[in-house]
Amino acid sequence: EGAALIEAVATVLTAFDAVQPFAPVLRLDLARLYAVAGLEP
């Protein structure tokens, strides 16, 4: 279930970013939450 969750989140956010690229501030927020979780952004 761990890998499935990580993949599901990446799929959702990649789709959004492809249609409307995230602003730098949002990218930083996402990078922070991935780093805090111990995952490479």
PDB file of all heavy atoms in Angstrom:
ATOM      1  N   GLU A   1       0.810  -1.215   0.000  1.00  0.00           N
ATOM      2  CA  GLU A   1       0.000   0.000   0.000  1.00  0.00           C
ATOM      3  C   GLU A   1       0.844   1.266   0.000  1.00  0.00           C
ATOM      4  O   GLU A   1       0.403   2.313  -0.472  1.00  0.00           O
ATOM      5  CB  GLU A   1      -0.938   0.012   1.213  1.00  0.00           C
ATOM      6  CG  GLU A   1      -2.106  -0.936   1.127  1.00  0.00           C
ATOM      7  CD  GLU A   1      -1.740  -2.358   1.508  1.00  0.00           C
ATOM      8  OE1 GLU A   1      -0.549  -2.590   1.851  1.00  0.00           O
ATOM      9  OE2 GLU A   1      -2.618  -3.242   1.454  1.00  0.00           O
ATOM     10  N   GLY A   2       2.065   1.175   0.516  1.00  0.00           N
ATOM     11  CA  GLY A   2       2.927   2.351   0.557  1.00  0.00           C
ATOM     12  C   GLY A   2       3.285   2.849  -0.821  1.00  0.00           C
ATOM     13  O   GLY A   2       3.110   4.033  -1.145  1.00  0.00           O
ATOM     14  N   ALA A   3       3.778   1.965  -1.674  1.00  0.00           N
ATOM     15  CA  ALA A   3       4.157   2.355  -3.029  1.00  0.00           C
ATOM     16  C   ALA A   3       2.938   2.811  -3.822  1.00  0.00           C
ATOM     17  O   ALA A   3       3.018   3.740  -4.634  1.00  0.00           O
ATOM     18  CB  ALA A   3       4.847   1.184  -3.734  1.00  0.00           C
ATOM     19  N   ALA A   4       1.790   2.178  -3.573  1.00  0.00           N
ATOM     20  CA  ALA A   4       0.569   2.554  -4.283  1.00  0.00           C
ATOM     21  C   ALA A   4       0.151   3.974  -3.942  1.00  0.00           C
ATOM     22  O   ALA A   4      -0.284   4.739  -4.809  1.00  0.00           O
ATOM     23  CB  ALA A   4      -0.553   1.571  -3.948  1.00  0.00           C
ATOM     24  N   LEU A   5       0.263   4.356  -2.666  1.00  0.00           N
ATOM     25  CA  LEU A   5      -0.097   5.716  -2.266  1.00  0.00           C
ATOM     26  C   LEU A   5       0.840   6.730  -2.905  1.00  0.00           C
ATOM     27  O   LEU A   5       0.393   7.751  -3.440  1.00  0.00           O
ATOM     28  CB  LEU A   5      -0.065   5.851  -0.740  1.00  0.00           C
ATOM     29  CG  LEU A   5      -0.544   7.186  -0.176  1.00  0.00           C
ATOM     30  CD1 LEU A   5      -1.186   6.995   1.199  1.00  0.00           C
ATOM     31  CD2 LEU A   5       0.594   8.212  -0.060  1.00  0.00           C
ATOM     32  N   ILE A   6       2.130   6.462  -2.855  1.00  0.00           N
ATOM     33  CA  ILE A   6       3.105   7.391  -3.443  1.00  0.00           C
ATOM     34  C   ILE A   6       2.840   7.566  -4.936  1.00  0.00           C
ATOM     35  O   ILE A   6       2.886   8.684  -5.466  1.00  0.00           O
ATOM     36  CB  ILE A   6       4.535   6.880  -3.188  1.00  0.00           C
ATOM     37  CG1 ILE A   6       4.850   6.921  -1.688  1.00  0.00           C
ATOM     38  CG2 ILE A   6       5.555   7.717  -3.969  1.00  0.00           C
ATOM     39  CD1 ILE A   6       6.146   6.247  -1.310  1.00  0.00           C
ATOM     40  N   GLU A   7       2.552   6.482  -5.610  1.00  0.00           N
ATOM     41  CA  GLU A   7       2.269   6.547  -7.044  1.00  0.00           C
ATOM     42  C   GLU A   7       0.975   7.312  -7.328  1.00  0.00           C
ATOM     43  O   GLU A   7       0.896   8.098  -8.279  1.00  0.00           O
ATOM     44  CB  GLU A   7       2.173   5.138  -7.624  1.00  0.00           C
ATOM     45  CG  GLU A   7       1.904   5.114  -9.126  1.00  0.00           C
ATOM     46  CD  GLU A   7       1.792   3.711  -9.684  1.00  0.00           C
ATOM     47  OE1 GLU A   7       1.959   2.749  -8.908  1.00  0.00           O
ATOM     48  OE2 GLU A   7       1.531   3.579 -10.900  1.00  0.00           O
ATOM     49  N   ALA A   8      -0.043   7.090  -6.497  1.00  0.00           N
ATOM     50  CA  ALA A   8      -1.322   7.774  -6.700  1.00  0.00           C
ATOM     51  C   ALA A   8      -1.168   9.282  -6.548  1.00  0.00           C
ATOM     52  O   ALA A   8      -1.701  10.060  -7.345  1.00  0.00           O
ATOM     53  CB  ALA A   8      -2.360   7.241  -5.711  1.00  0.00           C
ATOM     54  N   VAL A   9      -0.444   9.706  -5.534  1.00  0.00           N
ATOM     55  CA  VAL A   9      -0.217  11.137  -5.327  1.00  0.00           C
ATOM     56  C   VAL A   9       0.553  11.731  -6.507  1.00  0.00           C
ATOM     57  O   VAL A   9       0.194  12.794  -7.036  1.00  0.00           O
ATOM     58  CB  VAL A   9       0.557  11.376  -4.014  1.00  0.00           C
ATOM     59  CG1 VAL A   9       0.983  12.841  -3.902  1.00  0.00           C
ATOM     60  CG2 VAL A   9      -0.288  10.985  -2.813  1.00  0.00           C
ATOM     61  N   ALA A  10       1.592  11.037  -6.941  1.00  0.00           N
ATOM     62  CA  ALA A  10       2.402  11.534  -8.056  1.00  0.00           C
ATOM     63  C   ALA A  10       1.574  11.644  -9.340  1.00  0.00           C
ATOM     64  O   ALA A  10       1.736  12.594 -10.110  1.00  0.00           O
ATOM     65  CB  ALA A  10       3.609  10.625  -8.275  1.00  0.00           C
ATOM     66  N   THR A  11       0.694  10.692  -9.562  1.00  0.00           N
ATOM     67  CA  THR A  11      -0.134  10.711 -10.767  1.00  0.00           C
ATOM     68  C   THR A  11      -1.067  11.915 -10.776  1.00  0.00           C
ATOM     69  O   THR A  11      -1.200  12.630 -11.782  1.00  0.00           O
ATOM     70  CB  THR A  11      -0.955   9.416 -10.882  1.00  0.00           C
ATOM     71  OG1 THR A  11      -0.062   8.295 -10.921  1.00  0.00           O
ATOM     72  CG2 THR A  11      -1.801   9.418 -12.139  1.00  0.00           C
ATOM     73  N   VAL A  12      -1.713  12.171  -9.644  1.00  0.00           N
ATOM     74  CA  VAL A  12      -2.623  13.309  -9.536  1.00  0.00           C
ATOM     75  C   VAL A  12      -1.872  14.626  -9.756  1.00  0.00           C
ATOM     76  O   VAL A  12      -2.279  15.469 -10.568  1.00  0.00           O
ATOM     77  CB  VAL A  12      -3.311  13.323  -8.156  1.00  0.00           C
ATOM     78  CG1 VAL A  12      -4.113  14.616  -7.973  1.00  0.00           C
ATOM     79  CG2 VAL A  12      -4.221  12.120  -7.997  1.00  0.00           C
ATOM     80  N   LEU A  13      -0.775  14.809  -9.038  1.00  0.00           N
ATOM     81  CA  LEU A  13      -0.076  16.090  -9.086  1.00  0.00           C
ATOM     82  C   LEU A  13       0.648  16.290 -10.417  1.00  0.00           C
ATOM     83  O   LEU A  13       0.743  17.420 -10.913  1.00  0.00           O
ATOM     84  CB  LEU A  13       0.892  16.189  -7.913  1.00  0.00           C
ATOM     85  CG  LEU A  13       0.217  16.151  -6.531  1.00  0.00           C
ATOM     86  CD1 LEU A  13       1.241  16.392  -5.426  1.00  0.00           C
ATOM     87  CD2 LEU A  13      -0.905  17.169  -6.429  1.00  0.00           C
ATOM     88  N   THR A  14       1.154  15.229 -11.018  1.00  0.00           N
ATOM     89  CA  THR A  14       1.790  15.348 -12.332  1.00  0.00           C
ATOM     90  C   THR A  14       0.774  15.789 -13.373  1.00  0.00           C
ATOM     91  O   THR A  14       1.066  16.613 -14.247  1.00  0.00           O
ATOM     92  CB  THR A  14       2.425  14.010 -12.744  1.00  0.00           C
ATOM     93  OG1 THR A  14       3.449  13.660 -11.809  1.00  0.00           O
ATOM     94  CG2 THR A  14       3.041  14.114 -14.137  1.00  0.00           C
ATOM     95  N   ALA A  15      -0.446  15.260 -13.288  1.00  0.00           N
ATOM     96  CA  ALA A  15      -1.500  15.632 -14.232  1.00  0.00           C
ATOM     97  C   ALA A  15      -1.858  17.102 -14.093  1.00  0.00           C
ATOM     98  O   ALA A  15      -2.015  17.820 -15.087  1.00  0.00           O
ATOM     99  CB  ALA A  15      -2.728  14.753 -14.019  1.00  0.00           C
ATOM    100  N   PHE A  16      -1.991  17.584 -12.862  1.00  0.00           N
ATOM    101  CA  PHE A  16      -2.286  18.997 -12.658  1.00  0.00           C
ATOM    102  C   PHE A  16      -1.157  19.879 -13.186  1.00  0.00           C
ATOM    103  O   PHE A  16      -1.383  20.887 -13.856  1.00  0.00           O
ATOM    104  CB  PHE A  16      -2.497  19.281 -11.168  1.00  0.00           C
ATOM    105  CG  PHE A  16      -3.914  19.115 -10.716  1.00  0.00           C
ATOM    106  CD1 PHE A  16      -4.267  18.064  -9.893  1.00  0.00           C
ATOM    107  CD2 PHE A  16      -4.898  20.000 -11.117  1.00  0.00           C
ATOM    108  CE1 PHE A  16      -5.575  17.899  -9.471  1.00  0.00           C
ATOM    109  CE2 PHE A  16      -6.213  19.848 -10.704  1.00  0.00           C
ATOM    110  CZ  PHE A  16      -6.554  18.802  -9.875  1.00  0.00           C
ATOM    111  N   ASP A  17       0.083  19.513 -12.866  1.00  0.00           N
ATOM    112  CA  ASP A  17       1.231  20.321 -13.266  1.00  0.00           C
ATOM    113  C   ASP A  17       1.382  20.367 -14.779  1.00  0.00           C
ATOM    114  O   ASP A  17       1.840  21.374 -15.340  1.00  0.00           O
ATOM    115  CB  ASP A  17       2.496  19.750 -12.615  1.00  0.00           C
ATOM    116  CG  ASP A  17       3.728  20.618 -12.836  1.00  0.00           C
ATOM    117  OD1 ASP A  17       3.609  21.853 -12.730  1.00  0.00           O
ATOM    118  OD2 ASP A  17       4.794  20.054 -13.127  1.00  0.00           O
ATOM    119  N   ALA A  18       1.008  19.292 -15.457  1.00  0.00           N
ATOM    120  CA  ALA A  18       1.122  19.248 -16.913  1.00  0.00           C
ATOM    121  C   ALA A  18       0.153  20.218 -17.578  1.00  0.00           C
ATOM    122  O   ALA A  18       0.448  20.804 -18.623  1.00  0.00           O
ATOM    123  CB  ALA A  18       0.878  17.827 -17.422  1.00  0.00           C
ATOM    124  N   VAL A  19      -1.024  20.376 -16.976  1.00  0.00           N
ATOM    125  CA  VAL A  19      -2.030  21.257 -17.557  1.00  0.00           C
ATOM    126  C   VAL A  19      -1.779  22.718 -17.185  1.00  0.00           C
ATOM    127  O   VAL A  19      -1.868  23.619 -18.024  1.00  0.00           O
ATOM    128  CB  VAL A  19      -3.442  20.832 -17.095  1.00  0.00           C
ATOM    129  CG1 VAL A  19      -4.504  21.836 -17.560  1.00  0.00           C
ATOM    130  CG2 VAL A  19      -3.768  19.447 -17.634  1.00  0.00           C
ATOM    131  N   GLN A  20      -1.458  22.953 -15.931  1.00  0.00           N
ATOM    132  CA  GLN A  20      -1.173  24.304 -15.454  1.00  0.00           C
ATOM    133  C   GLN A  20       0.013  24.231 -14.508  1.00  0.00           C
ATOM    134  O   GLN A  20      -0.147  23.883 -13.344  1.00  0.00           O
ATOM    135  CB  GLN A  20      -2.388  24.895 -14.748  1.00  0.00           C
ATOM    136  CG  GLN A  20      -2.184  26.317 -14.269  1.00  0.00           C
ATOM    137  CD  GLN A  20      -3.442  26.896 -13.639  1.00  0.00           C
ATOM    138  OE1 GLN A  20      -4.537  26.422 -13.889  1.00  0.00           O
ATOM    139  NE2 GLN A  20      -3.268  27.916 -12.823  1.00  0.00           N
ATOM    140  N   PRO A  21       1.228  24.537 -14.989  1.00  0.00           N
ATOM    141  CA  PRO A  21       2.432  24.395 -14.157  1.00  0.00           C
ATOM    142  C   PRO A  21       2.293  25.099 -12.815  1.00  0.00           C
ATOM    143  O   PRO A  21       1.793  26.224 -12.735  1.00  0.00           O
ATOM    144  CB  PRO A  21       3.529  25.038 -15.019  1.00  0.00           C
ATOM    145  CG  PRO A  21       3.037  24.866 -16.417  1.00  0.00           C
ATOM    146  CD  PRO A  21       1.546  25.026 -16.343  1.00  0.00           C
ATOM    147  N   PHE A  22       2.732  24.419 -11.776  1.00  0.00           N
ATOM    148  CA  PHE A  22       2.649  24.975 -10.439  1.00  0.00           C
ATOM    149  C   PHE A  22       3.537  26.208 -10.296  1.00  0.00           C
ATOM    150  O   PHE A  22       4.638  26.265 -10.857  1.00  0.00           O
ATOM    151  CB  PHE A  22       3.077  23.937  -9.399  1.00  0.00           C
ATOM    152  CG  PHE A  22       2.181  22.726  -9.329  1.00  0.00           C
ATOM    153  CD1 PHE A  22       2.711  21.474  -9.055  1.00  0.00           C
ATOM    154  CD2 PHE A  22       0.816  22.839  -9.537  1.00  0.00           C
ATOM    155  CE1 PHE A  22       1.894  20.358  -8.972  1.00  0.00           C
ATOM    156  CE2 PHE A  22      -0.012  21.729  -9.467  1.00  0.00           C
ATOM    157  CZ  PHE A  22       0.522  20.482  -9.182  1.00  0.00           C
ATOM    158  N   ALA A  23       3.087  27.156  -9.513  1.00  0.00           N
ATOM    159  CA  ALA A  23       3.876  28.346  -9.214  1.00  0.00           C
ATOM    160  C   ALA A  23       5.059  27.955  -8.327  1.00  0.00           C
ATOM    161  O   ALA A  23       5.012  26.952  -7.611  1.00  0.00           O
ATOM    162  CB  ALA A  23       3.010  29.379  -8.505  1.00  0.00           C
ATOM    163  N   PRO A  24       6.140  28.740  -8.360  1.00  0.00           N
ATOM    164  CA  PRO A  24       7.319  28.416  -7.538  1.00  0.00           C
ATOM    165  C   PRO A  24       7.007  28.223  -6.058  1.00  0.00           C
ATOM    166  O   PRO A  24       7.552  27.323  -5.423  1.00  0.00           O
ATOM    167  CB  PRO A  24       8.237  29.621  -7.767  1.00  0.00           C
ATOM    168  CG  PRO A  24       7.875  30.114  -9.129  1.00  0.00           C
ATOM    169  CD  PRO A  24       6.391  29.904  -9.230  1.00  0.00           C
ATOM    170  N   VAL A  25       6.128  29.066  -5.499  1.00  0.00           N
ATOM    171  CA  VAL A  25       5.816  28.937  -4.077  1.00  0.00           C
ATOM    172  C   VAL A  25       5.160  27.598  -3.792  1.00  0.00           C
ATOM    173  O   VAL A  25       5.472  26.937  -2.788  1.00  0.00           O
ATOM    174  CB  VAL A  25       4.904  30.095  -3.619  1.00  0.00           C
ATOM    175  CG1 VAL A  25       4.378  29.828  -2.212  1.00  0.00           C
ATOM    176  CG2 VAL A  25       5.662  31.416  -3.643  1.00  0.00           C
ATOM    177  N   LEU A  26       4.255  27.157  -4.656  1.00  0.00           N
ATOM    178  CA  LEU A  26       3.606  25.857  -4.473  1.00  0.00           C
ATOM    179  C   LEU A  26       4.618  24.732  -4.640  1.00  0.00           C
ATOM    180  O   LEU A  26       4.589  23.736  -3.906  1.00  0.00           O
ATOM    181  CB  LEU A  26       2.447  25.690  -5.462  1.00  0.00           C
ATOM    182  CG  LEU A  26       1.709  24.342  -5.415  1.00  0.00           C
ATOM    183  CD1 LEU A  26       1.235  24.012  -3.999  1.00  0.00           C
ATOM    184  CD2 LEU A  26       0.529  24.349  -6.383  1.00  0.00           C
ATOM    185  N   ARG A  27       5.519  24.860  -5.608  1.00  0.00           N
ATOM    186  CA  ARG A  27       6.556  23.837  -5.790  1.00  0.00           C
ATOM    187  C   ARG A  27       7.403  23.699  -4.526  1.00  0.00           C
ATOM    188  O   ARG A  27       7.771  22.595  -4.115  1.00  0.00           O
ATOM    189  CB  ARG A  27       7.434  24.180  -6.992  1.00  0.00           C
ATOM    190  CG  ARG A  27       6.728  23.979  -8.326  1.00  0.00           C
ATOM    191  CD  ARG A  27       7.615  24.379  -9.503  1.00  0.00           C
ATOM    192  NE  ARG A  27       6.881  24.229 -10.750  1.00  0.00           N
ATOM    193  CZ  ARG A  27       6.854  23.130 -11.483  1.00  0.00           C
ATOM    194  NH1 ARG A  27       7.556  22.075 -11.098  1.00  0.00           N
ATOM    195  NH2 ARG A  27       6.151  23.065 -12.596  1.00  0.00           N
ATOM    196  N   LEU A  28       7.709  24.834  -3.905  1.00  0.00           N
ATOM    197  CA  LEU A  28       8.479  24.784  -2.666  1.00  0.00           C
ATOM    198  C   LEU A  28       7.693  24.089  -1.561  1.00  0.00           C
ATOM    199  O   LEU A  28       8.246  23.302  -0.797  1.00  0.00           O
ATOM    200  CB  LEU A  28       8.851  26.204  -2.221  1.00  0.00           C
ATOM    201  CG  LEU A  28      10.132  26.795  -2.791  1.00  0.00           C
ATOM    202  CD1 LEU A  28      10.333  28.207  -2.253  1.00  0.00           C
ATOM    203  CD2 LEU A  28      11.339  25.929  -2.464  1.00  0.00           C
ATOM    204  N   ASP A  29       6.398  24.377  -1.465  1.00  0.00           N
ATOM    205  CA  ASP A  29       5.576  23.719  -0.451  1.00  0.00           C
ATOM    206  C   ASP A  29       5.552  22.206  -0.672  1.00  0.00           C
ATOM    207  O   ASP A  29       5.651  21.419   0.279  1.00  0.00           O
ATOM    208  CB  ASP A  29       4.154  24.275  -0.482  1.00  0.00           C
ATOM    209  CG  ASP A  29       4.014  25.579   0.283  1.00  0.00           C
ATOM    210  OD1 ASP A  29       4.889  25.862   1.125  1.00  0.00           O
ATOM    211  OD2 ASP A  29       3.036  26.310   0.045  1.00  0.00           O
ATOM    212  N   LEU A  30       5.406  21.803  -1.932  1.00  0.00           N
ATOM    213  CA  LEU A  30       5.387  20.374  -2.237  1.00  0.00           C
ATOM    214  C   LEU A  30       6.746  19.735  -1.964  1.00  0.00           C
ATOM    215  O   LEU A  30       6.831  18.614  -1.442  1.00  0.00           O
ATOM    216  CB  LEU A  30       4.973  20.154  -3.692  1.00  0.00           C
ATOM    217  CG  LEU A  30       3.532  20.540  -4.037  1.00  0.00           C
ATOM    218  CD1 LEU A  30       3.299  20.442  -5.549  1.00  0.00           C
ATOM    219  CD2 LEU A  30       2.534  19.659  -3.295  1.00  0.00           C
ATOM    220  N   ALA A  31       7.820  20.446  -2.316  1.00  0.00           N
ATOM    221  CA  ALA A  31       9.165  19.928  -2.032  1.00  0.00           C
ATOM    222  C   ALA A  31       9.367  19.750  -0.535  1.00  0.00           C
ATOM    223  O   ALA A  31       9.942  18.754  -0.077  1.00  0.00           O
ATOM    224  CB  ALA A  31      10.218  20.878  -2.598  1.00  0.00           C
ATOM    225  N   ARG A  32       8.865  20.715   0.236  1.00  0.00           N
ATOM    226  CA  ARG A  32       9.006  20.637   1.686  1.00  0.00           C
ATOM    227  C   ARG A  32       8.287  19.417   2.235  1.00  0.00           C
ATOM    228  O   ARG A  32       8.849  18.658   3.035  1.00  0.00           O
ATOM    229  CB  ARG A  32       8.433  21.901   2.331  1.00  0.00           C
ATOM    230  CG  ARG A  32       8.394  21.851   3.866  1.00  0.00           C
ATOM    231  CD  ARG A  32       7.646  23.037   4.433  1.00  0.00           C
ATOM    232  NE  ARG A  32       6.279  23.118   3.922  1.00  0.00           N
ATOM    233  CZ  ARG A  32       5.268  22.379   4.382  1.00  0.00           C
ATOM    234  NH1 ARG A  32       5.481  21.495   5.358  1.00  0.00           N
ATOM    235  NH2 ARG A  32       4.052  22.510   3.883  1.00  0.00           N
ATOM    236  N   LEU A  33       7.043  19.200   1.812  1.00  0.00           N
ATOM    237  CA  LEU A  33       6.301  18.090   2.406  1.00  0.00           C
ATOM    238  C   LEU A  33       6.874  16.736   1.991  1.00  0.00           C
ATOM    239  O   LEU A  33       6.842  15.773   2.758  1.00  0.00           O
ATOM    240  CB  LEU A  33       4.806  18.199   2.105  1.00  0.00           C
ATOM    241  CG  LEU A  33       4.268  18.086   0.683  1.00  0.00           C
ATOM    242  CD1 LEU A  33       4.035  16.624   0.316  1.00  0.00           C
ATOM    243  CD2 LEU A  33       2.954  18.855   0.566  1.00  0.00           C
ATOM    244  N   TYR A  34       7.428  16.648   0.770  1.00  0.00           N
ATOM    245  CA  TYR A  34       8.091  15.403   0.366  1.00  0.00           C
ATOM    246  C   TYR A  34       9.364  15.190   1.186  1.00  0.00           C
ATOM    247  O   TYR A  34       9.646  14.070   1.638  1.00  0.00           O
ATOM    248  CB  TYR A  34       8.427  15.425  -1.124  1.00  0.00           C
ATOM    249  CG  TYR A  34       7.360  14.801  -1.998  1.00  0.00           C
ATOM    250  CD1 TYR A  34       6.284  15.544  -2.456  1.00  0.00           C
ATOM    251  CD2 TYR A  34       7.421  13.454  -2.354  1.00  0.00           C
ATOM    252  CE1 TYR A  34       5.291  14.974  -3.249  1.00  0.00           C
ATOM    253  CE2 TYR A  34       6.438  12.870  -3.146  1.00  0.00           C
ATOM    254  CZ  TYR A  34       5.376  13.633  -3.585  1.00  0.00           C
ATOM    255  OH  TYR A  34       4.394  13.059  -4.363  1.00  0.00           O
ATOM    256  N   ALA A  35      10.141  16.266   1.366  1.00  0.00           N
ATOM    257  CA  ALA A  35      11.389  16.136   2.113  1.00  0.00           C
ATOM    258  C   ALA A  35      11.123  15.765   3.562  1.00  0.00           C
ATOM    259  O   ALA A  35      11.805  14.905   4.134  1.00  0.00           O
ATOM    260  CB  ALA A  35      12.179  17.444   2.036  1.00  0.00           C
ATOM    261  N   VAL A  36      10.127  16.402   4.182  1.00  0.00           N
ATOM    262  CA  VAL A  36       9.792  16.094   5.564  1.00  0.00           C
ATOM    263  C   VAL A  36       9.349  14.635   5.698  1.00  0.00           C
ATOM    264  O   VAL A  36       9.589  13.986   6.721  1.00  0.00           O
ATOM    265  CB  VAL A  36       8.686  17.050   6.074  1.00  0.00           C
ATOM    266  CG1 VAL A  36       8.131  16.583   7.403  1.00  0.00           C
ATOM    267  CG2 VAL A  36       9.255  18.466   6.206  1.00  0.00           C
ATOM    268  N   ALA A  37       8.720  14.115   4.642  1.00  0.00           N
ATOM    269  CA  ALA A  37       8.296  12.713   4.655  1.00  0.00           C
ATOM    270  C   ALA A  37       9.450  11.754   4.354  1.00  0.00           C
ATOM    271  O   ALA A  37       9.250  10.537   4.363  1.00  0.00           O
ATOM    272  CB  ALA A  37       7.170  12.503   3.645  1.00  0.00           C
ATOM    273  N   GLY A  38      10.627  12.293   4.076  1.00  0.00           N
ATOM    274  CA  GLY A  38      11.768  11.429   3.793  1.00  0.00           C
ATOM    275  C   GLY A  38      11.808  10.902   2.379  1.00  0.00           C
ATOM    276  O   GLY A  38      12.468   9.899   2.100  1.00  0.00           O
ATOM    277  N   LEU A  39      11.118  11.587   1.459  1.00  0.00           N
ATOM    278  CA  LEU A  39      11.065  11.169   0.059  1.00  0.00           C
ATOM    279  C   LEU A  39      11.667  12.246  -0.831  1.00  0.00           C
ATOM    280  O   LEU A  39      11.509  13.444  -0.572  1.00  0.00           O
ATOM    281  CB  LEU A  39       9.614  10.920  -0.368  1.00  0.00           C
ATOM    282  CG  LEU A  39       8.876   9.799   0.348  1.00  0.00           C
ATOM    283  CD1 LEU A  39       7.394   9.838  -0.013  1.00  0.00           C
ATOM    284  CD2 LEU A  39       9.474   8.439  -0.006  1.00  0.00           C
ATOM    285  N   GLU A  40      12.340  11.827  -1.892  1.00  0.00           N
ATOM    286  CA  GLU A  40      12.889  12.803  -2.818  1.00  0.00           C
ATOM    287  C   GLU A  40      11.758  13.443  -3.615  1.00  0.00           C
ATOM    288  O   GLU A  40      10.888  12.750  -4.162  1.00  0.00           O
ATOM    289  CB  GLU A  40      13.899  12.133  -3.762  1.00  0.00           C
ATOM    290  CG  GLU A  40      15.127  11.634  -3.024  1.00  0.00           C
ATOM    291  CD  GLU A  40      16.305  11.401  -3.952  1.00  0.00           C
ATOM    292  OE1 GLU A  40      16.331  12.008  -5.039  1.00  0.00           O
ATOM    293  OE2 GLU A  40      17.191  10.622  -3.577  1.00  0.00           O
ATOM    294  N   PRO A  41      11.749  14.772  -3.697  1.00  0.00           N
ATOM    295  CA  PRO A  41      10.664  15.469  -4.402  1.00  0.00           C
ATOM    296  C   PRO A  41      10.645  15.121  -5.888  1.00  0.00           C
ATOM    297  O   PRO A  41      11.681  15.090  -6.540  1.00  0.00           O
ATOM    298  CB  PRO A  41      11.009  16.955  -4.188  1.00  0.00           C
ATOM    299  CG  PRO A  41      11.851  16.966  -2.953  1.00  0.00           C
ATOM    300  CD  PRO A  41      12.662  15.703  -3.022  1.00  0.00           C
TER     301      PRO A  41
END
